[in-house]
Amino acid sequence: MEGRDWDRRALPVCAGAVLATTLVAEVLLVLLRFRPPGQPFPLWPIASLLFLLASALENARRFIMASPSTRGVMLAGAGQGWDYCYSCQTHVPSRCSHCFSCNVCVLRRDHHCLLLGQCVGYQNYRYFLCLLLYGSVALLYGSLLNVNVVWMLLEEGGLAHTILLLMLPWLMLLMGQVNFVTFAYAFMTDVCVVGFLFCLSFLLFHSLLALRGQTTKEWRWNHFPNQISENGRALQIPELLKGFPNYEES
């Protein structure tokens, strides 16, 4: 990874890592603080949470390291009926698109992931799906563990106060209605729930695209690649789950 590319990706990657670490720390604190008297140490919940986090981070690392661009890839049949990219000044396959954020053409480009600072393409699509899967499970697990926090808020402030706190945590803090600790619990609970819904939506959407062999751009324009039927029933999952020594135009 070139130094200039890493400088561009450093901010979103570091921000995501800090957020993930904060969420895990909050959930671990909830597990320890709200443990009933006499209950054994929550070893398995903590181990499960750390496993999910490690799996998500590993897939994020592989996603970043597996460059989806055309750099260093020997393209089979280059130039035979392909499009021409004026930015890269080279011929590219028909399903290859130029990303102006990455400043390179990407094989089977789907979209540019702002959180990880890299495009989702042919080479790293499987890691993107696995990251969404582990992220969804981890955030759902965190949301369920934070039920104790919601129950505590209900006991302290009542239903209306709890709803306002979960919906507008920053406003409640600025108005002095809650202290910072209560705000932090409510905010992290919101992040877990909203993050789970976000990851799950992306996972379902991209799983559908994978089953139909489409990219987001092709789905938007209702276009199906030549290698699948018009109803989109042909599957391309094995192709997405393996690497490639060279790219062959479909």
C-alpha atoms as a PDB file:
ATOM      1  CA  MET A   1       0.000   0.000   0.000  1.00  0.00           C
ATOM      2  CA  GLU A   2       1.479   3.280  -1.079  1.00  0.00           C
ATOM      3  CA  GLY A   3       2.140   5.945   1.533  1.00  0.00           C
ATOM      4  CA  ARG A   4      -0.091   8.513  -0.149  1.00  0.00           C
ATOM      5  CA  ASP A   5      -2.976   6.029  -0.332  1.00  0.00           C
ATOM      6  CA  TRP A   6      -2.557   5.174   3.337  1.00  0.00           C
ATOM      7  CA  ASP A   7      -2.598   8.858   4.307  1.00  0.00           C
ATOM      8  CA  ARG A   8      -5.955   9.219   2.570  1.00  0.00           C
ATOM      9  CA  ARG A   9      -7.408   6.130   4.243  1.00  0.00           C
ATOM     10  CA  ALA A  10      -5.939   6.675   7.688  1.00  0.00           C
ATOM     11  CA  LEU A  11      -8.687   8.951   9.033  1.00  0.00           C
ATOM     12  CA  PRO A  12     -11.735   6.755   8.271  1.00  0.00           C
ATOM     13  CA  VAL A  13      -9.903   3.574   9.281  1.00  0.00           C
ATOM     14  CA  CYS A  14      -8.714   5.044  12.591  1.00  0.00           C
ATOM     15  CA  ALA A  15     -12.154   6.527  13.282  1.00  0.00           C
ATOM     16  CA  GLY A  16     -13.781   3.151  12.676  1.00  0.00           C
ATOM     17  CA  ALA A  17     -11.247   1.398  14.908  1.00  0.00           C
ATOM     18  CA  VAL A  18     -11.817   3.898  17.736  1.00  0.00           C
ATOM     19  CA  LEU A  19     -15.594   3.513  17.446  1.00  0.00           C
ATOM     20  CA  ALA A  20     -15.380  -0.294  17.462  1.00  0.00           C
ATOM     21  CA  THR A  21     -13.064  -0.279  20.483  1.00  0.00           C
ATOM     22  CA  THR A  22     -15.372   2.120  22.346  1.00  0.00           C
ATOM     23  CA  LEU A  23     -18.407  -0.041  21.638  1.00  0.00           C
ATOM     24  CA  VAL A  24     -16.665  -3.175  22.865  1.00  0.00           C
ATOM     25  CA  ALA A  25     -15.455  -1.403  26.004  1.00  0.00           C
ATOM     26  CA  GLU A  26     -18.993  -0.178  26.742  1.00  0.00           C
ATOM     27  CA  VAL A  27     -20.517  -3.631  26.257  1.00  0.00           C
ATOM     28  CA  LEU A  28     -17.853  -5.220  28.461  1.00  0.00           C
ATOM     29  CA  LEU A  29     -18.584  -2.621  31.130  1.00  0.00           C
ATOM     30  CA  VAL A  30     -22.297  -3.415  30.912  1.00  0.00           C
ATOM     31  CA  LEU A  31     -21.579  -7.133  31.302  1.00  0.00           C
ATOM     32  CA  LEU A  32     -19.504  -6.544  34.414  1.00  0.00           C
ATOM     33  CA  ARG A  33     -21.538  -3.759  36.016  1.00  0.00           C
ATOM     34  CA  PHE A  34     -24.984  -5.296  35.609  1.00  0.00           C
ATOM     35  CA  ARG A  35     -23.941  -8.807  36.601  1.00  0.00           C
ATOM     36  CA  PRO A  36     -26.323 -10.086  39.316  1.00  0.00           C
ATOM     37  CA  PRO A  37     -24.730 -10.877  42.702  1.00  0.00           C
ATOM     38  CA  GLY A  38     -23.414 -14.411  42.863  1.00  0.00           C
ATOM     39  CA  GLN A  39     -23.401 -14.896  39.096  1.00  0.00           C
ATOM     40  CA  PRO A  40     -20.116 -16.291  37.733  1.00  0.00           C
ATOM     41  CA  PHE A  41     -17.811 -14.202  35.605  1.00  0.00           C
ATOM     42  CA  PRO A  42     -19.349 -13.792  32.090  1.00  0.00           C
ATOM     43  CA  LEU A  43     -16.527 -15.587  30.312  1.00  0.00           C
ATOM     44  CA  TRP A  44     -18.479 -16.939  27.354  1.00  0.00           C
ATOM     45  CA  PRO A  45     -20.288 -13.679  26.491  1.00  0.00           C
ATOM     46  CA  ILE A  46     -16.993 -11.790  26.606  1.00  0.00           C
ATOM     47  CA  ALA A  47     -15.195 -14.475  24.567  1.00  0.00           C
ATOM     48  CA  SER A  48     -17.996 -14.475  21.980  1.00  0.00           C
ATOM     49  CA  LEU A  49     -17.888 -10.700  21.694  1.00  0.00           C
ATOM     50  CA  LEU A  50     -14.105 -10.667  21.266  1.00  0.00           C
ATOM     51  CA  PHE A  51     -14.330 -13.417  18.633  1.00  0.00           C
ATOM     52  CA  LEU A  52     -16.869 -11.423  16.632  1.00  0.00           C
ATOM     53  CA  LEU A  53     -14.736  -8.297  16.929  1.00  0.00           C
ATOM     54  CA  ALA A  54     -11.571 -10.127  15.870  1.00  0.00           C
ATOM     55  CA  SER A  55     -13.361 -11.674  12.877  1.00  0.00           C
ATOM     56  CA  ALA A  56     -14.737  -8.306  11.779  1.00  0.00           C
ATOM     57  CA  LEU A  57     -11.350  -6.603  12.135  1.00  0.00           C
ATOM     58  CA  GLU A  58      -9.582  -9.403  10.243  1.00  0.00           C
ATOM     59  CA  ASN A  59     -12.000  -9.118   7.337  1.00  0.00           C
ATOM     60  CA  ALA A  60     -11.610  -5.339   7.407  1.00  0.00           C
ATOM     61  CA  ARG A  61      -7.823  -5.791   7.230  1.00  0.00           C
ATOM     62  CA  ARG A  62      -8.098  -8.198   4.308  1.00  0.00           C
ATOM     63  CA  PHE A  63     -10.545  -5.874   2.583  1.00  0.00           C
ATOM     64  CA  ILE A  64      -8.055  -3.008   2.781  1.00  0.00           C
ATOM     65  CA  MET A  65      -5.005  -5.076   1.811  1.00  0.00           C
ATOM     66  CA  ALA A  66      -6.694  -6.797  -1.165  1.00  0.00           C
ATOM     67  CA  SER A  67      -6.536  -4.033  -3.754  1.00  0.00           C
ATOM     68  CA  PRO A  68      -9.445  -4.306  -6.222  1.00  0.00           C
ATOM     69  CA  SER A  69      -7.749  -2.094  -8.811  1.00  0.00           C
ATOM     70  CA  THR A  70      -6.194  -3.074 -12.128  1.00  0.00           C
ATOM     71  CA  ARG A  71      -2.689  -2.252 -10.885  1.00  0.00           C
ATOM     72  CA  GLY A  72      -0.383  -5.236 -11.067  1.00  0.00           C
ATOM     73  CA  VAL A  73      -3.050  -7.474 -12.641  1.00  0.00           C
ATOM     74  CA  MET A  74      -2.433  -9.170 -15.970  1.00  0.00           C
ATOM     75  CA  LEU A  75      -5.707  -8.714 -17.848  1.00  0.00           C
ATOM     76  CA  ALA A  76      -6.509 -11.557 -20.238  1.00  0.00           C
ATOM     77  CA  GLY A  77      -7.409 -10.395 -23.737  1.00  0.00           C
ATOM     78  CA  ALA A  78      -6.656  -6.750 -23.020  1.00  0.00           C
ATOM     79  CA  GLY A  79      -8.075  -4.301 -25.533  1.00  0.00           C
ATOM     80  CA  GLN A  80     -10.416  -6.669 -27.378  1.00  0.00           C
ATOM     81  CA  GLY A  81     -13.639  -4.686 -27.512  1.00  0.00           C
ATOM     82  CA  TRP A  82     -12.975  -2.987 -24.181  1.00  0.00           C
ATOM     83  CA  ASP A  83     -13.677   0.558 -23.103  1.00  0.00           C
ATOM     84  CA  TYR A  84     -10.980   3.190 -22.811  1.00  0.00           C
ATOM     85  CA  CYS A  85     -10.359   5.065 -19.558  1.00  0.00           C
ATOM     86  CA  TYR A  86      -9.020   8.541 -20.297  1.00  0.00           C
ATOM     87  CA  SER A  87      -8.010   9.057 -16.664  1.00  0.00           C
ATOM     88  CA  CYS A  88      -5.861   5.897 -16.523  1.00  0.00           C
ATOM     89  CA  GLN A  89      -5.086   6.099 -20.264  1.00  0.00           C
ATOM     90  CA  THR A  90      -5.614   2.395 -20.803  1.00  0.00           C
ATOM     91  CA  HIS A  91      -8.223  -0.079 -22.014  1.00  0.00           C
ATOM     92  CA  VAL A  92     -10.424  -1.585 -19.312  1.00  0.00           C
ATOM     93  CA  PRO A  93     -13.125  -4.316 -19.223  1.00  0.00           C
ATOM     94  CA  SER A  94     -16.741  -3.254 -19.616  1.00  0.00           C
ATOM     95  CA  ARG A  95     -17.550  -3.900 -15.927  1.00  0.00           C
ATOM     96  CA  CYS A  96     -14.512  -1.954 -14.784  1.00  0.00           C
ATOM     97  CA  SER A  97     -15.104   1.612 -13.555  1.00  0.00           C
ATOM     98  CA  HIS A  98     -12.794   4.462 -12.630  1.00  0.00           C
ATOM     99  CA  CYS A  99     -12.895   5.703  -9.032  1.00  0.00           C
ATOM    100  CA  PHE A 100     -11.850   9.326  -8.669  1.00  0.00           C
ATOM    101  CA  SER A 101     -11.348   8.894  -4.920  1.00  0.00           C
ATOM    102  CA  CYS A 102      -8.881   6.030  -5.412  1.00  0.00           C
ATOM    103  CA  ASN A 103      -7.708   7.530  -8.746  1.00  0.00           C
ATOM    104  CA  VAL A 104      -7.599   4.121 -10.406  1.00  0.00           C
ATOM    105  CA  CYS A 105      -9.835   1.755 -12.362  1.00  0.00           C
ATOM    106  CA  VAL A 106     -11.427  -0.992 -10.266  1.00  0.00           C
ATOM    107  CA  LEU A 107     -12.368  -4.459 -11.516  1.00  0.00           C
ATOM    108  CA  ARG A 108     -16.109  -5.061 -11.163  1.00  0.00           C
ATOM    109  CA  ARG A 109     -16.436  -1.864  -9.126  1.00  0.00           C
ATOM    110  CA  ASP A 110     -19.487  -1.716  -6.870  1.00  0.00           C
ATOM    111  CA  HIS A 111     -18.985   1.475  -4.845  1.00  0.00           C
ATOM    112  CA  HIS A 112     -16.411   3.380  -2.818  1.00  0.00           C
ATOM    113  CA  CYS A 113     -16.559   2.509   0.891  1.00  0.00           C
ATOM    114  CA  LEU A 114     -16.044   5.752   2.797  1.00  0.00           C
ATOM    115  CA  LEU A 115     -15.621   4.008   6.155  1.00  0.00           C
ATOM    116  CA  LEU A 116     -12.652   1.937   4.977  1.00  0.00           C
ATOM    117  CA  GLY A 117     -11.416   4.372   2.339  1.00  0.00           C
ATOM    118  CA  GLN A 118     -11.351   1.866  -0.517  1.00  0.00           C
ATOM    119  CA  CYS A 119     -13.521   0.649  -3.364  1.00  0.00           C
ATOM    120  CA  VAL A 120     -15.524  -2.555  -3.177  1.00  0.00           C
ATOM    121  CA  GLY A 121     -14.549  -4.623  -6.196  1.00  0.00           C
ATOM    122  CA  TYR A 122     -13.948  -8.112  -7.529  1.00  0.00           C
ATOM    123  CA  GLN A 123     -10.922  -8.878  -5.386  1.00  0.00           C
ATOM    124  CA  ASN A 124     -12.280  -7.796  -1.974  1.00  0.00           C
ATOM    125  CA  TYR A 125     -16.046  -8.269  -2.323  1.00  0.00           C
ATOM    126  CA  ARG A 126     -16.068 -11.480  -0.238  1.00  0.00           C
ATOM    127  CA  TYR A 127     -14.268  -9.721   2.614  1.00  0.00           C
ATOM    128  CA  PHE A 128     -16.820  -6.912   2.437  1.00  0.00           C
ATOM    129  CA  LEU A 129     -19.684  -9.397   2.787  1.00  0.00           C
ATOM    130  CA  CYS A 130     -17.975 -11.190   5.687  1.00  0.00           C
ATOM    131  CA  LEU A 131     -17.331  -7.855   7.397  1.00  0.00           C
ATOM    132  CA  LEU A 132     -21.027  -6.983   7.121  1.00  0.00           C
ATOM    133  CA  LEU A 133     -21.988 -10.415   8.454  1.00  0.00           C
ATOM    134  CA  TYR A 134     -19.733 -10.334  11.514  1.00  0.00           C
ATOM    135  CA  GLY A 135     -20.517  -6.669  12.084  1.00  0.00           C
ATOM    136  CA  SER A 136     -24.263  -7.341  12.037  1.00  0.00           C
ATOM    137  CA  VAL A 137     -23.978 -10.222  14.498  1.00  0.00           C
ATOM    138  CA  ALA A 138     -21.652  -8.279  16.811  1.00  0.00           C
ATOM    139  CA  LEU A 139     -23.897  -5.201  16.849  1.00  0.00           C
ATOM    140  CA  LEU A 140     -27.003  -7.319  17.408  1.00  0.00           C
ATOM    141  CA  TYR A 141     -25.242  -9.036  20.294  1.00  0.00           C
ATOM    142  CA  GLY A 142     -24.256  -5.668  21.728  1.00  0.00           C
ATOM    143  CA  SER A 143     -27.823  -4.396  21.369  1.00  0.00           C
ATOM    144  CA  LEU A 144     -29.189  -7.382  23.272  1.00  0.00           C
ATOM    145  CA  LEU A 145     -26.630  -6.955  26.039  1.00  0.00           C
ATOM    146  CA  ASN A 146     -27.597  -3.288  26.315  1.00  0.00           C
ATOM    147  CA  VAL A 147     -31.145  -4.251  27.263  1.00  0.00           C
ATOM    148  CA  ASN A 148     -29.947  -3.941  30.860  1.00  0.00           C
ATOM    149  CA  VAL A 149     -29.057  -0.314  30.150  1.00  0.00           C
ATOM    150  CA  VAL A 150     -32.523   0.429  28.784  1.00  0.00           C
ATOM    151  CA  TRP A 151     -34.091  -1.234  31.818  1.00  0.00           C
ATOM    152  CA  MET A 152     -31.922   0.885  34.131  1.00  0.00           C
ATOM    153  CA  LEU A 153     -32.977   4.057  32.293  1.00  0.00           C
ATOM    154  CA  LEU A 154     -36.636   3.083  32.627  1.00  0.00           C
ATOM    155  CA  GLU A 155     -36.269   2.579  36.355  1.00  0.00           C
ATOM    156  CA  GLU A 156     -34.478   5.904  36.837  1.00  0.00           C
ATOM    157  CA  GLY A 157     -36.485   8.258  34.609  1.00  0.00           C
ATOM    158  CA  GLY A 158     -39.645   6.575  33.389  1.00  0.00           C
ATOM    159  CA  LEU A 159     -40.862   5.777  29.879  1.00  0.00           C
ATOM    160  CA  ALA A 160     -41.080   9.307  28.431  1.00  0.00           C
ATOM    161  CA  HIS A 161     -37.671  10.321  29.783  1.00  0.00           C
ATOM    162  CA  THR A 162     -36.079   7.126  28.434  1.00  0.00           C
ATOM    163  CA  ILE A 163     -37.572   7.578  24.963  1.00  0.00           C
ATOM    164  CA  LEU A 164     -36.329  11.162  24.779  1.00  0.00           C
ATOM    165  CA  LEU A 165     -32.903  10.105  26.008  1.00  0.00           C
ATOM    166  CA  LEU A 166     -32.583   7.352  23.405  1.00  0.00           C
ATOM    167  CA  MET A 167     -33.922   9.555  20.605  1.00  0.00           C
ATOM    168  CA  LEU A 168     -32.076  12.785  21.513  1.00  0.00           C
ATOM    169  CA  PRO A 169     -29.144  11.903  23.791  1.00  0.00           C
ATOM    170  CA  TRP A 170     -27.066  14.974  22.893  1.00  0.00           C
ATOM    171  CA  LEU A 171     -29.959  17.348  23.553  1.00  0.00           C
ATOM    172  CA  MET A 172     -30.683  15.739  26.919  1.00  0.00           C
ATOM    173  CA  LEU A 173     -27.016  16.115  27.884  1.00  0.00           C
ATOM    174  CA  LEU A 174     -26.825  19.767  26.807  1.00  0.00           C
ATOM    175  CA  MET A 175     -30.021  20.564  28.703  1.00  0.00           C
ATOM    176  CA  GLY A 176     -28.563  19.029  31.858  1.00  0.00           C
ATOM    177  CA  GLN A 177     -31.249  16.359  32.121  1.00  0.00           C
ATOM    178  CA  VAL A 178     -28.703  13.524  32.399  1.00  0.00           C
ATOM    179  CA  ASN A 179     -25.093  13.163  33.486  1.00  0.00           C
ATOM    180  CA  PHE A 180     -22.313  12.142  31.109  1.00  0.00           C
ATOM    181  CA  VAL A 181     -22.270   8.481  32.198  1.00  0.00           C
ATOM    182  CA  THR A 182     -25.980   8.039  31.487  1.00  0.00           C
ATOM    183  CA  PHE A 183     -25.552   9.867  28.186  1.00  0.00           C
ATOM    184  CA  ALA A 184     -22.680   7.563  27.211  1.00  0.00           C
ATOM    185  CA  TYR A 185     -24.742   4.444  27.941  1.00  0.00           C
ATOM    186  CA  ALA A 186     -27.690   5.767  25.927  1.00  0.00           C
ATOM    187  CA  PHE A 187     -25.515   6.929  23.029  1.00  0.00           C
ATOM    188  CA  MET A 188     -23.684   3.598  22.750  1.00  0.00           C
ATOM    189  CA  THR A 189     -26.988   1.743  22.861  1.00  0.00           C
ATOM    190  CA  ASP A 190     -28.211   3.891  19.976  1.00  0.00           C
ATOM    191  CA  VAL A 191     -25.016   3.228  18.022  1.00  0.00           C
ATOM    192  CA  CYS A 192     -25.416  -0.540  18.470  1.00  0.00           C
ATOM    193  CA  VAL A 193     -29.041  -0.536  17.315  1.00  0.00           C
ATOM    194  CA  VAL A 194     -28.574   1.866  14.387  1.00  0.00           C
ATOM    195  CA  GLY A 195     -25.315   0.176  13.367  1.00  0.00           C
ATOM    196  CA  PHE A 196     -26.995  -3.238  13.380  1.00  0.00           C
ATOM    197  CA  LEU A 197     -29.851  -2.012  11.172  1.00  0.00           C
ATOM    198  CA  PHE A 198     -27.357  -0.338   8.827  1.00  0.00           C
ATOM    199  CA  CYS A 199     -25.094  -3.403   8.505  1.00  0.00           C
ATOM    200  CA  LEU A 200     -28.037  -5.784   8.153  1.00  0.00           C
ATOM    201  CA  SER A 201     -29.586  -3.683   5.391  1.00  0.00           C
ATOM    202  CA  PHE A 202     -26.295  -3.569   3.495  1.00  0.00           C
ATOM    203  CA  LEU A 203     -25.754  -7.307   4.035  1.00  0.00           C
ATOM    204  CA  LEU A 204     -29.181  -8.246   2.664  1.00  0.00           C
ATOM    205  CA  PHE A 205     -28.861  -5.855  -0.268  1.00  0.00           C
ATOM    206  CA  HIS A 206     -25.385  -7.006  -1.306  1.00  0.00           C
ATOM    207  CA  SER A 207     -26.284 -10.664  -0.768  1.00  0.00           C
ATOM    208  CA  LEU A 208     -29.100 -10.152  -3.261  1.00  0.00           C
ATOM    209  CA  LEU A 209     -26.687  -8.488  -5.672  1.00  0.00           C
ATOM    210  CA  ALA A 210     -24.238 -11.385  -5.271  1.00  0.00           C
ATOM    211  CA  LEU A 211     -26.969 -13.911  -6.023  1.00  0.00           C
ATOM    212  CA  ARG A 212     -27.946 -11.975  -9.143  1.00  0.00           C
ATOM    213  CA  GLY A 213     -24.360 -11.319 -10.226  1.00  0.00           C
ATOM    214  CA  GLN A 214     -24.881  -7.552 -10.295  1.00  0.00           C
ATOM    215  CA  THR A 215     -23.129  -4.476  -9.011  1.00  0.00           C
ATOM    216  CA  THR A 216     -24.963  -1.561  -7.408  1.00  0.00           C
ATOM    217  CA  LYS A 217     -24.703   0.460 -10.618  1.00  0.00           C
ATOM    218  CA  GLU A 218     -26.106  -2.424 -12.685  1.00  0.00           C
ATOM    219  CA  TRP A 219     -28.947  -2.875 -10.201  1.00  0.00           C
ATOM    220  CA  ARG A 220     -29.768   0.846 -10.338  1.00  0.00           C
ATOM    221  CA  TRP A 221     -30.062   0.722 -14.130  1.00  0.00           C
ATOM    222  CA  ASN A 222     -31.733  -2.723 -14.101  1.00  0.00           C
ATOM    223  CA  HIS A 223     -28.897  -4.141 -16.164  1.00  0.00           C
ATOM    224  CA  PHE A 224     -27.818  -7.774 -16.048  1.00  0.00           C
ATOM    225  CA  PRO A 225     -24.354  -8.918 -17.162  1.00  0.00           C
ATOM    226  CA  ASN A 226     -24.121 -11.116 -20.231  1.00  0.00           C
ATOM    227  CA  GLN A 227     -23.171 -14.203 -18.264  1.00  0.00           C
ATOM    228  CA  ILE A 228     -26.507 -14.461 -16.430  1.00  0.00           C
ATOM    229  CA  SER A 229     -30.051 -14.741 -17.662  1.00  0.00           C
ATOM    230  CA  GLU A 230     -32.433 -11.815 -17.827  1.00  0.00           C
ATOM    231  CA  ASN A 231     -34.284 -12.934 -14.687  1.00  0.00           C
ATOM    232  CA  GLY A 232     -30.990 -12.959 -12.796  1.00  0.00           C
ATOM    233  CA  ARG A 233     -31.350 -16.516 -11.516  1.00  0.00           C
ATOM    234  CA  ALA A 234     -27.827 -17.720 -12.291  1.00  0.00           C
ATOM    235  CA  LEU A 235     -25.554 -17.655  -9.251  1.00  0.00           C
ATOM    236  CA  GLN A 236     -21.999 -16.322  -9.105  1.00  0.00           C
ATOM    237  CA  ILE A 237     -21.241 -16.913  -5.438  1.00  0.00           C
ATOM    238  CA  PRO A 238     -18.259 -19.279  -6.084  1.00  0.00           C
ATOM    239  CA  GLU A 239     -16.696 -16.629  -8.307  1.00  0.00           C
ATOM    240  CA  LEU A 240     -16.969 -14.035  -5.551  1.00  0.00           C
ATOM    241  CA  LEU A 241     -15.524 -16.324  -2.889  1.00  0.00           C
ATOM    242  CA  LYS A 242     -12.210 -16.994  -4.566  1.00  0.00           C
ATOM    243  CA  GLY A 243      -9.271 -14.919  -5.654  1.00  0.00           C
ATOM    244  CA  PHE A 244      -8.157 -14.529  -9.220  1.00  0.00           C
ATOM    245  CA  PRO A 245      -4.761 -14.980 -10.892  1.00  0.00           C
ATOM    246  CA  ASN A 246      -5.989 -13.022 -13.910  1.00  0.00           C
ATOM    247  CA  TYR A 247      -9.191 -11.382 -15.019  1.00  0.00           C
ATOM    248  CA  GLU A 248     -11.169 -12.871 -17.889  1.00  0.00           C
ATOM    249  CA  GLU A 249     -13.833 -10.773 -19.529  1.00  0.00           C
ATOM    250  CA  SER A 250     -17.257 -12.351 -19.254  1.00  0.00           C
END
